[in-house]
Amino acid sequence: MNTALTSFFEAHRVLLAPMAGVSDTAFRTLCREKGADLTYTEMVSAKGLSYANEKTRRLLELAEGEQTVAVQLFGHEPEVMAQQAVWIEREMGSSLAYLDINMGCPARKIVSKGDGSKLMETPELAREIIERVVDSVSVPVTCKFRRGYALGEESAVSFAMMAQAAGASAVAVHGRYAMQYYSGSADWDVIAKVKDAVSIPVIGNGDVRCGDDAVALMERTGCDAVMIARAAEGNPWIFADVKAALAKSERPAAPDFRERLDTARRHAALLERRGEKNIVRMRKHAMWYLAGLPHASVARKQLNSCSSLADFDRVFDELRRAIEGEDKQHV
């Protein structure tokens, strides 16, 4: 029985999922501060690393104060995956919590190359990749995948058993088929089936939008940890809510508009500090932070042309004054 991560997930139950273009150092900083026990890097291309691509290598940077992080690697060539896993372990040392192999991403540009969830259709190749990576590094290796690739072809249980046999120390299961992308609902029962079928830790993923969802997912499936993805976009406070719900302690109040705008402003500053035009990423993050706020529609139009920290600060200031002015009229 592979127990490499069993005790780890007893202390790290609430995880921020790896999200391309989202889970960079700025976003991870905010999520950790709000209670995420562990965060993942954005997906890292093994092929990109093999070319010594600096943009790809930057994805492995730690955020300020970040002690450990999980790295998610993707690719379909066993030799390249193993070689770059060795490089990552050597470069990151003790800051690498574990290596995760992406076998669940449904994006067309990923699956068209045979990467991500497409590997669920070639389990023998997937097994070879896991085995090669496990044999090449000393850190634990995990694997993230979906309910199945094509609609109606549920293969998560057999895939999980294969991953365990290949040496994976844990698996993360998203309860949708790859071809569903993010539509419909995640099926938590398949996560429960995987948990019953393997002896390694199982991370549940899909449709956790609040603390109550996290409690329900763990109770229904018996999973060892909860992975949160899209629900954290513009809402790092979800981690504090989930932590409190799991601990059966008093739940924190939802952030008011001032806290949301202040956090968005800080997020923009963190991105600006990263350089290389990372500030432009704030456009989508700002849209998420502003969702549901009064006067947000006017602000959203302005956000599309923001290209500097000063631009974003100006939009946030104007929105704050508009909301405060409205509040005064109702006093």
C-alpha atoms as a PDB file:
ATOM      1  CA  MET A   1       0.000   0.000   0.000  1.00  0.00           C
ATOM      2  CA  ASN A   2       1.368   3.415  -1.009  1.00  0.00           C
ATOM      3  CA  THR A   3       1.019   5.641   2.072  1.00  0.00           C
ATOM      4  CA  ALA A   4       3.335   8.469   0.988  1.00  0.00           C
ATOM      5  CA  LEU A   5       0.605  11.123   1.151  1.00  0.00           C
ATOM      6  CA  THR A   6      -1.885   9.645   3.615  1.00  0.00           C
ATOM      7  CA  SER A   7      -0.772  11.738   6.579  1.00  0.00           C
ATOM      8  CA  PHE A   8      -0.137  14.739   4.320  1.00  0.00           C
ATOM      9  CA  PHE A   9      -3.794  15.024   3.372  1.00  0.00           C
ATOM     10  CA  GLU A  10      -4.861  14.719   6.991  1.00  0.00           C
ATOM     11  CA  ALA A  11      -3.276  18.139   7.429  1.00  0.00           C
ATOM     12  CA  HIS A  12      -3.937  19.488   3.914  1.00  0.00           C
ATOM     13  CA  ARG A  13      -7.597  18.962   3.137  1.00  0.00           C
ATOM     14  CA  VAL A  14      -8.433  22.146   1.239  1.00  0.00           C
ATOM     15  CA  LEU A  15      -6.597  22.614  -2.053  1.00  0.00           C
ATOM     16  CA  LEU A  16      -6.518  25.231  -4.781  1.00  0.00           C
ATOM     17  CA  ALA A  17      -6.685  23.491  -8.151  1.00  0.00           C
ATOM     18  CA  PRO A  18      -4.162  24.069 -10.921  1.00  0.00           C
ATOM     19  CA  MET A  19      -5.728  26.482 -13.417  1.00  0.00           C
ATOM     20  CA  ALA A  20      -3.977  27.685 -16.543  1.00  0.00           C
ATOM     21  CA  GLY A  21      -3.801  31.454 -16.690  1.00  0.00           C
ATOM     22  CA  VAL A  22      -5.230  31.778 -13.185  1.00  0.00           C
ATOM     23  CA  SER A  23      -3.228  30.071 -10.410  1.00  0.00           C
ATOM     24  CA  ASP A  24      -0.078  32.146 -10.699  1.00  0.00           C
ATOM     25  CA  THR A  25       1.876  33.433  -7.685  1.00  0.00           C
ATOM     26  CA  ALA A  26      -0.435  36.423  -7.189  1.00  0.00           C
ATOM     27  CA  PHE A  27      -3.620  34.367  -7.016  1.00  0.00           C
ATOM     28  CA  ARG A  28      -1.978  31.651  -4.920  1.00  0.00           C
ATOM     29  CA  THR A  29      -0.860  34.246  -2.384  1.00  0.00           C
ATOM     30  CA  LEU A  30      -4.412  35.445  -1.802  1.00  0.00           C
ATOM     31  CA  CYS A  31      -5.852  31.930  -1.632  1.00  0.00           C
ATOM     32  CA  ARG A  32      -3.230  30.790   0.883  1.00  0.00           C
ATOM     33  CA  GLU A  33      -3.921  33.821   3.042  1.00  0.00           C
ATOM     34  CA  LYS A  34      -7.623  32.965   3.059  1.00  0.00           C
ATOM     35  CA  GLY A  35      -7.034  29.375   4.139  1.00  0.00           C
ATOM     36  CA  ALA A  36      -5.960  27.140   1.234  1.00  0.00           C
ATOM     37  CA  ASP A  37      -3.813  24.380   2.739  1.00  0.00           C
ATOM     38  CA  LEU A  38      -1.924  23.790  -0.490  1.00  0.00           C
ATOM     39  CA  THR A  39      -1.899  25.354  -3.931  1.00  0.00           C
ATOM     40  CA  TYR A  40      -0.876  24.019  -7.330  1.00  0.00           C
ATOM     41  CA  THR A  41       1.036  25.811 -10.039  1.00  0.00           C
ATOM     42  CA  GLU A  42      -0.572  26.400 -13.377  1.00  0.00           C
ATOM     43  CA  MET A  43      -0.218  23.439 -15.752  1.00  0.00           C
ATOM     44  CA  VAL A  44       3.426  23.097 -16.782  1.00  0.00           C
ATOM     45  CA  SER A  45       4.303  21.705 -20.199  1.00  0.00           C
ATOM     46  CA  ALA A  46       6.977  19.020 -20.091  1.00  0.00           C
ATOM     47  CA  LYS A  47       7.738  19.777 -23.739  1.00  0.00           C
ATOM     48  CA  GLY A  48       8.125  23.460 -22.970  1.00  0.00           C
ATOM     49  CA  LEU A  49      10.535  22.686 -20.153  1.00  0.00           C
ATOM     50  CA  SER A  50      12.533  20.400 -22.433  1.00  0.00           C
ATOM     51  CA  TYR A  51      13.135  23.397 -24.693  1.00  0.00           C
ATOM     52  CA  ALA A  52      14.289  25.411 -21.658  1.00  0.00           C
ATOM     53  CA  ASN A  53      11.436  27.810 -22.346  1.00  0.00           C
ATOM     54  CA  GLU A  54      11.748  30.646 -19.823  1.00  0.00           C
ATOM     55  CA  LYS A  55       8.034  31.437 -19.866  1.00  0.00           C
ATOM     56  CA  THR A  56       7.303  27.833 -18.938  1.00  0.00           C
ATOM     57  CA  ARG A  57       9.988  27.777 -16.251  1.00  0.00           C
ATOM     58  CA  ARG A  58       8.512  30.894 -14.656  1.00  0.00           C
ATOM     59  CA  LEU A  59       5.387  28.901 -13.854  1.00  0.00           C
ATOM     60  CA  LEU A  60       7.442  27.091 -11.211  1.00  0.00           C
ATOM     61  CA  GLU A  61       8.232  30.227  -9.217  1.00  0.00           C
ATOM     62  CA  LEU A  62       7.130  30.347  -5.599  1.00  0.00           C
ATOM     63  CA  ALA A  63       5.039  33.179  -4.255  1.00  0.00           C
ATOM     64  CA  GLU A  64       6.458  35.293  -1.453  1.00  0.00           C
ATOM     65  CA  GLY A  65       6.138  33.297   1.774  1.00  0.00           C
ATOM     66  CA  GLU A  66       5.105  30.129  -0.066  1.00  0.00           C
ATOM     67  CA  GLN A  67       6.945  27.209   1.496  1.00  0.00           C
ATOM     68  CA  THR A  68       5.630  24.355  -0.619  1.00  0.00           C
ATOM     69  CA  VAL A  69       3.590  23.948  -3.773  1.00  0.00           C
ATOM     70  CA  ALA A  70       2.362  21.069  -5.906  1.00  0.00           C
ATOM     71  CA  VAL A  71       3.459  21.173  -9.540  1.00  0.00           C
ATOM     72  CA  GLN A  72       1.176  19.867 -12.262  1.00  0.00           C
ATOM     73  CA  LEU A  73       3.003  18.549 -15.316  1.00  0.00           C
ATOM     74  CA  PHE A  74       1.380  17.674 -18.628  1.00  0.00           C
ATOM     75  CA  GLY A  75       2.519  15.853 -21.729  1.00  0.00           C
ATOM     76  CA  HIS A  76       2.165  12.494 -23.467  1.00  0.00           C
ATOM     77  CA  GLU A  77       5.770  11.401 -24.020  1.00  0.00           C
ATOM     78  CA  PRO A  78       6.979   9.168 -21.157  1.00  0.00           C
ATOM     79  CA  GLU A  79      10.660   9.948 -21.654  1.00  0.00           C
ATOM     80  CA  VAL A  80      10.134  13.721 -21.769  1.00  0.00           C
ATOM     81  CA  MET A  81       7.812  13.608 -18.776  1.00  0.00           C
ATOM     82  CA  ALA A  82      10.333  11.641 -16.731  1.00  0.00           C
ATOM     83  CA  GLN A  83      13.266  13.856 -17.706  1.00  0.00           C
ATOM     84  CA  GLN A  84      11.454  17.064 -16.833  1.00  0.00           C
ATOM     85  CA  ALA A  85      10.150  15.601 -13.584  1.00  0.00           C
ATOM     86  CA  VAL A  86      13.772  15.027 -12.583  1.00  0.00           C
ATOM     87  CA  TRP A  87      14.635  18.621 -13.523  1.00  0.00           C
ATOM     88  CA  ILE A  88      11.710  20.012 -11.520  1.00  0.00           C
ATOM     89  CA  GLU A  89      12.635  18.013  -8.435  1.00  0.00           C
ATOM     90  CA  ARG A  90      16.260  19.110  -8.663  1.00  0.00           C
ATOM     91  CA  GLU A  91      15.381  22.778  -9.146  1.00  0.00           C
ATOM     92  CA  MET A  92      12.642  23.025  -6.514  1.00  0.00           C
ATOM     93  CA  GLY A  93      14.049  20.810  -3.780  1.00  0.00           C
ATOM     94  CA  SER A  94      12.074  20.794  -0.541  1.00  0.00           C
ATOM     95  CA  SER A  95       9.568  23.363  -1.846  1.00  0.00           C
ATOM     96  CA  LEU A  96       8.031  20.666  -4.067  1.00  0.00           C
ATOM     97  CA  ALA A  97       5.208  18.968  -2.158  1.00  0.00           C
ATOM     98  CA  TYR A  98       4.545  16.476  -4.952  1.00  0.00           C
ATOM     99  CA  LEU A  99       4.281  16.176  -8.707  1.00  0.00           C
ATOM    100  CA  ASP A 100       0.850  15.861 -10.258  1.00  0.00           C
ATOM    101  CA  ILE A 101       0.341  14.515 -13.771  1.00  0.00           C
ATOM    102  CA  ASN A 102      -2.489  16.147 -15.674  1.00  0.00           C
ATOM    103  CA  MET A 103      -4.710  13.562 -17.315  1.00  0.00           C
ATOM    104  CA  GLY A 104      -7.925  15.524 -16.993  1.00  0.00           C
ATOM    105  CA  CYS A 105      -7.671  18.821 -18.881  1.00  0.00           C
ATOM    106  CA  PRO A 106     -10.375  18.879 -21.599  1.00  0.00           C
ATOM    107  CA  ALA A 107      -9.130  21.951 -23.512  1.00  0.00           C
ATOM    108  CA  ARG A 108      -9.003  21.324 -27.260  1.00  0.00           C
ATOM    109  CA  LYS A 109      -5.457  22.636 -27.658  1.00  0.00           C
ATOM    110  CA  ILE A 110      -4.348  20.133 -24.993  1.00  0.00           C
ATOM    111  CA  VAL A 111      -6.246  17.010 -26.088  1.00  0.00           C
ATOM    112  CA  SER A 112      -5.464  17.627 -29.763  1.00  0.00           C
ATOM    113  CA  LYS A 113      -1.830  16.839 -28.960  1.00  0.00           C
ATOM    114  CA  GLY A 114      -2.698  13.722 -26.977  1.00  0.00           C
ATOM    115  CA  ASP A 115      -2.205  15.409 -23.607  1.00  0.00           C
ATOM    116  CA  GLY A 116      -4.518  15.945 -20.637  1.00  0.00           C
ATOM    117  CA  SER A 117      -7.788  14.010 -20.622  1.00  0.00           C
ATOM    118  CA  LYS A 118      -6.980  12.408 -23.984  1.00  0.00           C
ATOM    119  CA  LEU A 119      -4.699  10.042 -22.036  1.00  0.00           C
ATOM    120  CA  MET A 120      -7.816   8.481 -20.518  1.00  0.00           C
ATOM    121  CA  GLU A 121      -8.380   6.896 -23.939  1.00  0.00           C
ATOM    122  CA  THR A 122      -4.899   5.348 -23.912  1.00  0.00           C
ATOM    123  CA  PRO A 123      -4.554   3.879 -20.395  1.00  0.00           C
ATOM    124  CA  GLU A 124      -1.460   1.858 -21.295  1.00  0.00           C
ATOM    125  CA  LEU A 125       0.372   5.007 -22.329  1.00  0.00           C
ATOM    126  CA  ALA A 126      -0.926   6.758 -19.228  1.00  0.00           C
ATOM    127  CA  ARG A 127       0.387   3.915 -17.104  1.00  0.00           C
ATOM    128  CA  GLU A 128       3.811   4.110 -18.736  1.00  0.00           C
ATOM    129  CA  ILE A 129       3.977   7.840 -18.073  1.00  0.00           C
ATOM    130  CA  ILE A 130       3.101   7.416 -14.395  1.00  0.00           C
ATOM    131  CA  GLU A 131       5.565   4.547 -13.962  1.00  0.00           C
ATOM    132  CA  ARG A 132       8.403   6.439 -15.655  1.00  0.00           C
ATOM    133  CA  VAL A 133       7.826   9.575 -13.582  1.00  0.00           C
ATOM    134  CA  VAL A 134       7.491   7.617 -10.328  1.00  0.00           C
ATOM    135  CA  ASP A 135      10.722   5.738 -11.041  1.00  0.00           C
ATOM    136  CA  SER A 136      12.559   8.986 -11.854  1.00  0.00           C
ATOM    137  CA  VAL A 137      11.846  11.086  -8.763  1.00  0.00           C
ATOM    138  CA  SER A 138      11.809  10.674  -4.997  1.00  0.00           C
ATOM    139  CA  VAL A 139       8.814  12.948  -4.316  1.00  0.00           C
ATOM    140  CA  PRO A 140       5.295  11.522  -4.389  1.00  0.00           C
ATOM    141  CA  VAL A 141       3.553  11.485  -7.765  1.00  0.00           C
ATOM    142  CA  THR A 142      -0.185  12.000  -8.124  1.00  0.00           C
ATOM    143  CA  CYS A 143      -2.562  11.990 -11.070  1.00  0.00           C
ATOM    144  CA  LYS A 144      -5.634  14.099 -11.860  1.00  0.00           C
ATOM    145  CA  PHE A 145      -8.311  12.856 -14.251  1.00  0.00           C
ATOM    146  CA  ARG A 146     -12.024  12.935 -14.949  1.00  0.00           C
ATOM    147  CA  ARG A 147     -15.040  10.663 -14.749  1.00  0.00           C
ATOM    148  CA  GLY A 148     -14.168   9.511 -18.258  1.00  0.00           C
ATOM    149  CA  TYR A 149     -13.294  10.956 -21.621  1.00  0.00           C
ATOM    150  CA  ALA A 150     -16.368  10.530 -23.844  1.00  0.00           C
ATOM    151  CA  LEU A 151     -19.889  11.094 -22.554  1.00  0.00           C
ATOM    152  CA  GLY A 152     -21.269   7.922 -21.008  1.00  0.00           C
ATOM    153  CA  GLU A 153     -17.937   6.092 -20.963  1.00  0.00           C
ATOM    154  CA  GLU A 154     -17.233   6.082 -17.245  1.00  0.00           C
ATOM    155  CA  SER A 155     -13.676   4.869 -16.711  1.00  0.00           C
ATOM    156  CA  ALA A 156     -12.558   6.694 -13.567  1.00  0.00           C
ATOM    157  CA  VAL A 157     -12.506   3.595 -11.348  1.00  0.00           C
ATOM    158  CA  SER A 158     -10.388   1.466 -13.677  1.00  0.00           C
ATOM    159  CA  PHE A 159      -8.160   4.460 -14.411  1.00  0.00           C
ATOM    160  CA  ALA A 160      -7.637   5.076 -10.688  1.00  0.00           C
ATOM    161  CA  MET A 161      -6.756   1.437 -10.103  1.00  0.00           C
ATOM    162  CA  MET A 162      -4.271   1.623 -12.965  1.00  0.00           C
ATOM    163  CA  ALA A 163      -2.712   4.783 -11.516  1.00  0.00           C
ATOM    164  CA  GLN A 164      -2.368   3.151  -8.114  1.00  0.00           C
ATOM    165  CA  ALA A 165      -0.758   0.054  -9.626  1.00  0.00           C
ATOM    166  CA  ALA A 166       1.638   2.303 -11.571  1.00  0.00           C
ATOM    167  CA  GLY A 167       2.837   3.883  -8.335  1.00  0.00           C
ATOM    168  CA  ALA A 168       0.713   7.023  -7.913  1.00  0.00           C
ATOM    169  CA  SER A 169       0.549   8.187  -4.302  1.00  0.00           C
ATOM    170  CA  ALA A 170      -2.884   9.803  -4.695  1.00  0.00           C
ATOM    171  CA  VAL A 171      -5.472  10.616  -7.355  1.00  0.00           C
ATOM    172  CA  ALA A 172      -7.697  13.634  -7.919  1.00  0.00           C
ATOM    173  CA  VAL A 173     -11.036  12.977  -9.611  1.00  0.00           C
ATOM    174  CA  HIS A 174     -13.225  15.565 -11.318  1.00  0.00           C
ATOM    175  CA  GLY A 175     -16.797  14.297 -11.526  1.00  0.00           C
ATOM    176  CA  ARG A 176     -17.452  15.334 -15.139  1.00  0.00           C
ATOM    177  CA  TYR A 177     -16.600  13.664 -18.421  1.00  0.00           C
ATOM    178  CA  ALA A 178     -13.906  15.443 -20.403  1.00  0.00           C
ATOM    179  CA  MET A 179     -16.364  16.078 -23.215  1.00  0.00           C
ATOM    180  CA  GLN A 180     -18.684  17.851 -20.777  1.00  0.00           C
ATOM    181  CA  TYR A 181     -15.988  20.447 -20.206  1.00  0.00           C
ATOM    182  CA  TYR A 182     -17.604  22.415 -17.360  1.00  0.00           C
ATOM    183  CA  SER A 183     -21.260  22.060 -18.299  1.00  0.00           C
ATOM    184  CA  GLY A 184     -23.858  20.174 -16.325  1.00  0.00           C
ATOM    185  CA  SER A 185     -23.137  18.891 -12.840  1.00  0.00           C
ATOM    186  CA  ALA A 186     -20.232  16.940 -11.408  1.00  0.00           C
ATOM    187  CA  ASP A 187     -21.141  13.390 -10.384  1.00  0.00           C
ATOM    188  CA  TRP A 188     -19.818  12.892  -6.868  1.00  0.00           C
ATOM    189  CA  ASP A 189     -20.849   9.241  -6.835  1.00  0.00           C
ATOM    190  CA  VAL A 190     -17.994   8.407  -9.197  1.00  0.00           C
ATOM    191  CA  ILE A 191     -15.578   9.917  -6.685  1.00  0.00           C
ATOM    192  CA  ALA A 192     -17.065   7.646  -4.023  1.00  0.00           C
ATOM    193  CA  LYS A 193     -16.602   4.642  -6.317  1.00  0.00           C
ATOM    194  CA  VAL A 194     -12.945   5.540  -6.827  1.00  0.00           C
ATOM    195  CA  LYS A 195     -12.462   5.943  -3.077  1.00  0.00           C
ATOM    196  CA  ASP A 196     -13.910   2.473  -2.525  1.00  0.00           C
ATOM    197  CA  ALA A 197     -11.684   0.969  -5.225  1.00  0.00           C
ATOM    198  CA  VAL A 198      -8.240   2.240  -4.189  1.00  0.00           C
ATOM    199  CA  SER A 199      -6.212   2.448  -0.999  1.00  0.00           C
ATOM    200  CA  ILE A 200      -4.351   5.662  -1.831  1.00  0.00           C
ATOM    201  CA  PRO A 201      -5.803   9.100  -0.939  1.00  0.00           C
ATOM    202  CA  VAL A 202      -8.501  10.486  -3.229  1.00  0.00           C
ATOM    203  CA  ILE A 203      -9.033  14.201  -3.836  1.00  0.00           C
ATOM    204  CA  GLY A 204     -12.578  15.190  -4.783  1.00  0.00           C
ATOM    205  CA  ASN A 205     -13.099  17.912  -7.381  1.00  0.00           C
ATOM    206  CA  GLY A 206     -16.137  19.479  -9.003  1.00  0.00           C
ATOM    207  CA  ASP A 207     -18.961  21.827  -7.945  1.00  0.00           C
ATOM    208  CA  VAL A 208     -17.578  22.848  -4.551  1.00  0.00           C
ATOM    209  CA  ARG A 209     -18.835  26.415  -4.310  1.00  0.00           C
ATOM    210  CA  CYS A 210     -19.037  26.920  -0.535  1.00  0.00           C
ATOM    211  CA  GLY A 211     -18.303  25.295   2.797  1.00  0.00           C
ATOM    212  CA  ASP A 212     -21.550  23.312   2.794  1.00  0.00           C
ATOM    213  CA  ASP A 213     -20.619  21.791  -0.574  1.00  0.00           C
ATOM    214  CA  ALA A 214     -17.221  20.724   0.756  1.00  0.00           C
ATOM    215  CA  VAL A 215     -18.773  19.042   3.781  1.00  0.00           C
ATOM    216  CA  ALA A 216     -21.339  17.283   1.581  1.00  0.00           C
ATOM    217  CA  LEU A 217     -18.667  16.111  -0.868  1.00  0.00           C
ATOM    218  CA  MET A 218     -16.498  14.627   1.862  1.00  0.00           C
ATOM    219  CA  GLU A 219     -19.426  12.978   3.627  1.00  0.00           C
ATOM    220  CA  ARG A 220     -20.848  11.531   0.425  1.00  0.00           C
ATOM    221  CA  THR A 221     -17.596  10.264  -1.055  1.00  0.00           C
ATOM    222  CA  GLY A 222     -15.220   9.730   1.865  1.00  0.00           C
ATOM    223  CA  CYS A 223     -12.573  11.638  -0.112  1.00  0.00           C
ATOM    224  CA  ASP A 224      -9.432  12.714   1.723  1.00  0.00           C
ATOM    225  CA  ALA A 225      -9.247  16.290   0.444  1.00  0.00           C
ATOM    226  CA  VAL A 226     -11.311  18.803  -1.499  1.00  0.00           C
ATOM    227  CA  MET A 227      -9.998  20.637  -4.556  1.00  0.00           C
ATOM    228  CA  ILE A 228     -11.516  24.006  -5.422  1.00  0.00           C
ATOM    229  CA  ALA A 229     -11.163  25.545  -8.870  1.00  0.00           C
ATOM    230  CA  ARG A 230     -13.550  27.988 -10.576  1.00  0.00           C
ATOM    231  CA  ALA A 231     -15.395  28.846  -7.353  1.00  0.00           C
ATOM    232  CA  ALA A 232     -12.216  30.526  -6.112  1.00  0.00           C
ATOM    233  CA  GLU A 233     -12.032  32.902  -9.076  1.00  0.00           C
ATOM    234  CA  GLY A 234     -12.674  36.347  -7.634  1.00  0.00           C
ATOM    235  CA  ASN A 235     -13.509  34.629  -4.364  1.00  0.00           C
ATOM    236  CA  PRO A 236     -10.443  33.562  -2.358  1.00  0.00           C
ATOM    237  CA  TRP A 237     -12.667  33.834   0.735  1.00  0.00           C
ATOM    238  CA  ILE A 238     -14.152  30.457  -0.166  1.00  0.00           C
ATOM    239  CA  PHE A 239     -11.193  28.778   1.505  1.00  0.00           C
ATOM    240  CA  ALA A 240     -11.939  30.363   4.870  1.00  0.00           C
ATOM    241  CA  ASP A 241     -15.571  29.306   4.538  1.00  0.00           C
ATOM    242  CA  VAL A 242     -14.630  25.723   3.631  1.00  0.00           C
ATOM    243  CA  LYS A 243     -12.094  25.465   6.446  1.00  0.00           C
ATOM    244  CA  ALA A 244     -14.661  26.689   8.986  1.00  0.00           C
ATOM    245  CA  ALA A 245     -17.357  24.351   7.666  1.00  0.00           C
ATOM    246  CA  LEU A 246     -15.093  21.317   7.823  1.00  0.00           C
ATOM    247  CA  ALA A 247     -13.987  22.262  11.335  1.00  0.00           C
ATOM    248  CA  LYS A 248     -17.619  22.827  12.351  1.00  0.00           C
ATOM    249  CA  SER A 249     -16.671  26.274  13.605  1.00  0.00           C
ATOM    250  CA  GLU A 250     -18.279  29.667  13.128  1.00  0.00           C
ATOM    251  CA  ARG A 251     -18.422  30.625   9.459  1.00  0.00           C
ATOM    252  CA  PRO A 252     -16.865  33.937   8.416  1.00  0.00           C
ATOM    253  CA  ALA A 253     -19.079  36.705   7.088  1.00  0.00           C
ATOM    254  CA  ALA A 254     -19.112  37.205   3.343  1.00  0.00           C
ATOM    255  CA  PRO A 255     -16.882  40.083   2.227  1.00  0.00           C
ATOM    256  CA  ASP A 256     -18.606  43.415   1.628  1.00  0.00           C
ATOM    257  CA  PHE A 257     -17.919  45.497  -1.472  1.00  0.00           C
ATOM    258  CA  ARG A 258     -15.084  47.378   0.227  1.00  0.00           C
ATOM    259  CA  GLU A 259     -13.205  44.186   1.048  1.00  0.00           C
ATOM    260  CA  ARG A 260     -13.792  42.837  -2.436  1.00  0.00           C
ATOM    261  CA  LEU A 261     -12.447  45.996  -4.045  1.00  0.00           C
ATOM    262  CA  ASP A 262      -9.500  46.193  -1.664  1.00  0.00           C
ATOM    263  CA  THR A 263      -8.585  42.586  -2.433  1.00  0.00           C
ATOM    264  CA  ALA A 264      -8.932  43.195  -6.168  1.00  0.00           C
ATOM    265  CA  ARG A 265      -6.633  46.200  -5.806  1.00  0.00           C
ATOM    266  CA  ARG A 266      -4.051  44.099  -3.954  1.00  0.00           C
ATOM    267  CA  HIS A 267      -4.349  41.336  -6.540  1.00  0.00           C
ATOM    268  CA  ALA A 268      -3.586  43.862  -9.270  1.00  0.00           C
ATOM    269  CA  ALA A 269      -0.553  45.115  -7.352  1.00  0.00           C
ATOM    270  CA  LEU A 270       0.772  41.572  -6.956  1.00  0.00           C
ATOM    271  CA  LEU A 271       0.387  40.949 -10.683  1.00  0.00           C
ATOM    272  CA  GLU A 272       2.058  44.218 -11.563  1.00  0.00           C
ATOM    273  CA  ARG A 273       5.024  43.241  -9.405  1.00  0.00           C
ATOM    274  CA  ARG A 274       5.506  40.096 -11.507  1.00  0.00           C
ATOM    275  CA  GLY A 275       6.311  42.236 -14.546  1.00  0.00           C
ATOM    276  CA  GLU A 276       6.140  41.058 -18.161  1.00  0.00           C
ATOM    277  CA  LYS A 277       2.681  42.556 -18.698  1.00  0.00           C
ATOM    278  CA  ASN A 278       1.124  40.213 -16.129  1.00  0.00           C
ATOM    279  CA  ILE A 279      -1.102  43.096 -15.090  1.00  0.00           C
ATOM    280  CA  VAL A 280      -3.294  42.448 -18.143  1.00  0.00           C
ATOM    281  CA  ARG A 281      -4.380  39.187 -16.492  1.00  0.00           C
ATOM    282  CA  MET A 282      -6.167  41.361 -13.953  1.00  0.00           C
ATOM    283  CA  ARG A 283      -8.905  42.136 -16.469  1.00  0.00           C
ATOM    284  CA  LYS A 284     -10.537  38.726 -16.023  1.00  0.00           C
ATOM    285  CA  HIS A 285      -9.834  38.615 -12.282  1.00  0.00           C
ATOM    286  CA  ALA A 286     -11.427  42.045 -11.836  1.00  0.00           C
ATOM    287  CA  MET A 287     -14.532  40.864 -13.704  1.00  0.00           C
ATOM    288  CA  TRP A 288     -14.833  38.035 -11.185  1.00  0.00           C
ATOM    289  CA  TYR A 289     -14.319  40.259  -8.143  1.00  0.00           C
ATOM    290  CA  LEU A 290     -16.939  42.718  -9.365  1.00  0.00           C
ATOM    291  CA  ALA A 291     -19.622  40.150 -10.210  1.00  0.00           C
ATOM    292  CA  GLY A 292     -22.904  41.115  -8.586  1.00  0.00           C
ATOM    293  CA  LEU A 293     -21.780  44.527  -7.323  1.00  0.00           C
ATOM    294  CA  PRO A 294     -23.901  47.611  -8.054  1.00  0.00           C
ATOM    295  CA  HIS A 295     -22.662  49.645 -11.041  1.00  0.00           C
ATOM    296  CA  ALA A 296     -20.400  46.748 -12.080  1.00  0.00           C
ATOM    297  CA  SER A 297     -21.611  46.877 -15.684  1.00  0.00           C
ATOM    298  CA  VAL A 298     -20.092  50.337 -16.167  1.00  0.00           C
ATOM    299  CA  ALA A 299     -16.836  49.245 -14.531  1.00  0.00           C
ATOM    300  CA  ARG A 300     -16.606  46.123 -16.698  1.00  0.00           C
ATOM    301  CA  LYS A 301     -16.587  48.216 -19.869  1.00  0.00           C
ATOM    302  CA  GLN A 302     -13.685  50.235 -18.490  1.00  0.00           C
ATOM    303  CA  LEU A 303     -11.727  47.167 -17.401  1.00  0.00           C
ATOM    304  CA  ASN A 304     -11.345  45.953 -20.964  1.00  0.00           C
ATOM    305  CA  SER A 305      -8.982  48.829 -21.715  1.00  0.00           C
ATOM    306  CA  CYS A 306      -6.965  48.724 -18.468  1.00  0.00           C
ATOM    307  CA  SER A 307      -3.271  48.038 -19.019  1.00  0.00           C
ATOM    308  CA  SER A 308      -1.581  49.390 -15.899  1.00  0.00           C
ATOM    309  CA  LEU A 309      -1.983  49.281 -12.144  1.00  0.00           C
ATOM    310  CA  ALA A 310      -3.064  52.926 -12.197  1.00  0.00           C
ATOM    311  CA  ASP A 311      -5.811  52.061 -14.702  1.00  0.00           C
ATOM    312  CA  PHE A 312      -7.239  49.367 -12.454  1.00  0.00           C
ATOM    313  CA  ASP A 313      -6.967  51.531  -9.336  1.00  0.00           C
ATOM    314  CA  ARG A 314      -8.915  54.279 -11.107  1.00  0.00           C
ATOM    315  CA  VAL A 315     -11.756  51.892 -12.028  1.00  0.00           C
ATOM    316  CA  PHE A 316     -11.899  50.460  -8.500  1.00  0.00           C
ATOM    317  CA  ASP A 317     -11.934  53.961  -6.984  1.00  0.00           C
ATOM    318  CA  GLU A 318     -14.746  55.114  -9.263  1.00  0.00           C
ATOM    319  CA  LEU A 319     -16.806  52.032  -8.520  1.00  0.00           C
ATOM    320  CA  ARG A 320     -16.300  52.422  -4.787  1.00  0.00           C
ATOM    321  CA  ARG A 321     -17.440  56.058  -4.893  1.00  0.00           C
ATOM    322  CA  ALA A 322     -20.496  55.082  -6.952  1.00  0.00           C
ATOM    323  CA  ILE A 323     -21.541  52.375  -4.499  1.00  0.00           C
ATOM    324  CA  GLU A 324     -20.878  54.550  -1.464  1.00  0.00           C
ATOM    325  CA  GLY A 325     -22.863  57.381  -3.050  1.00  0.00           C
ATOM    326  CA  GLU A 326     -25.782  55.040  -3.615  1.00  0.00           C
ATOM    327  CA  ASP A 327     -25.591  53.838   0.000  1.00  0.00           C
ATOM    328  CA  LYS A 328     -25.777  57.433   1.271  1.00  0.00           C
ATOM    329  CA  GLN A 329     -28.892  58.082  -0.801  1.00  0.00           C
ATOM    330  CA  HIS A 330     -30.615  55.168   0.940  1.00  0.00           C
ATOM    331  CA  VAL A 331     -29.676  56.251   4.479  1.00  0.00           C
END
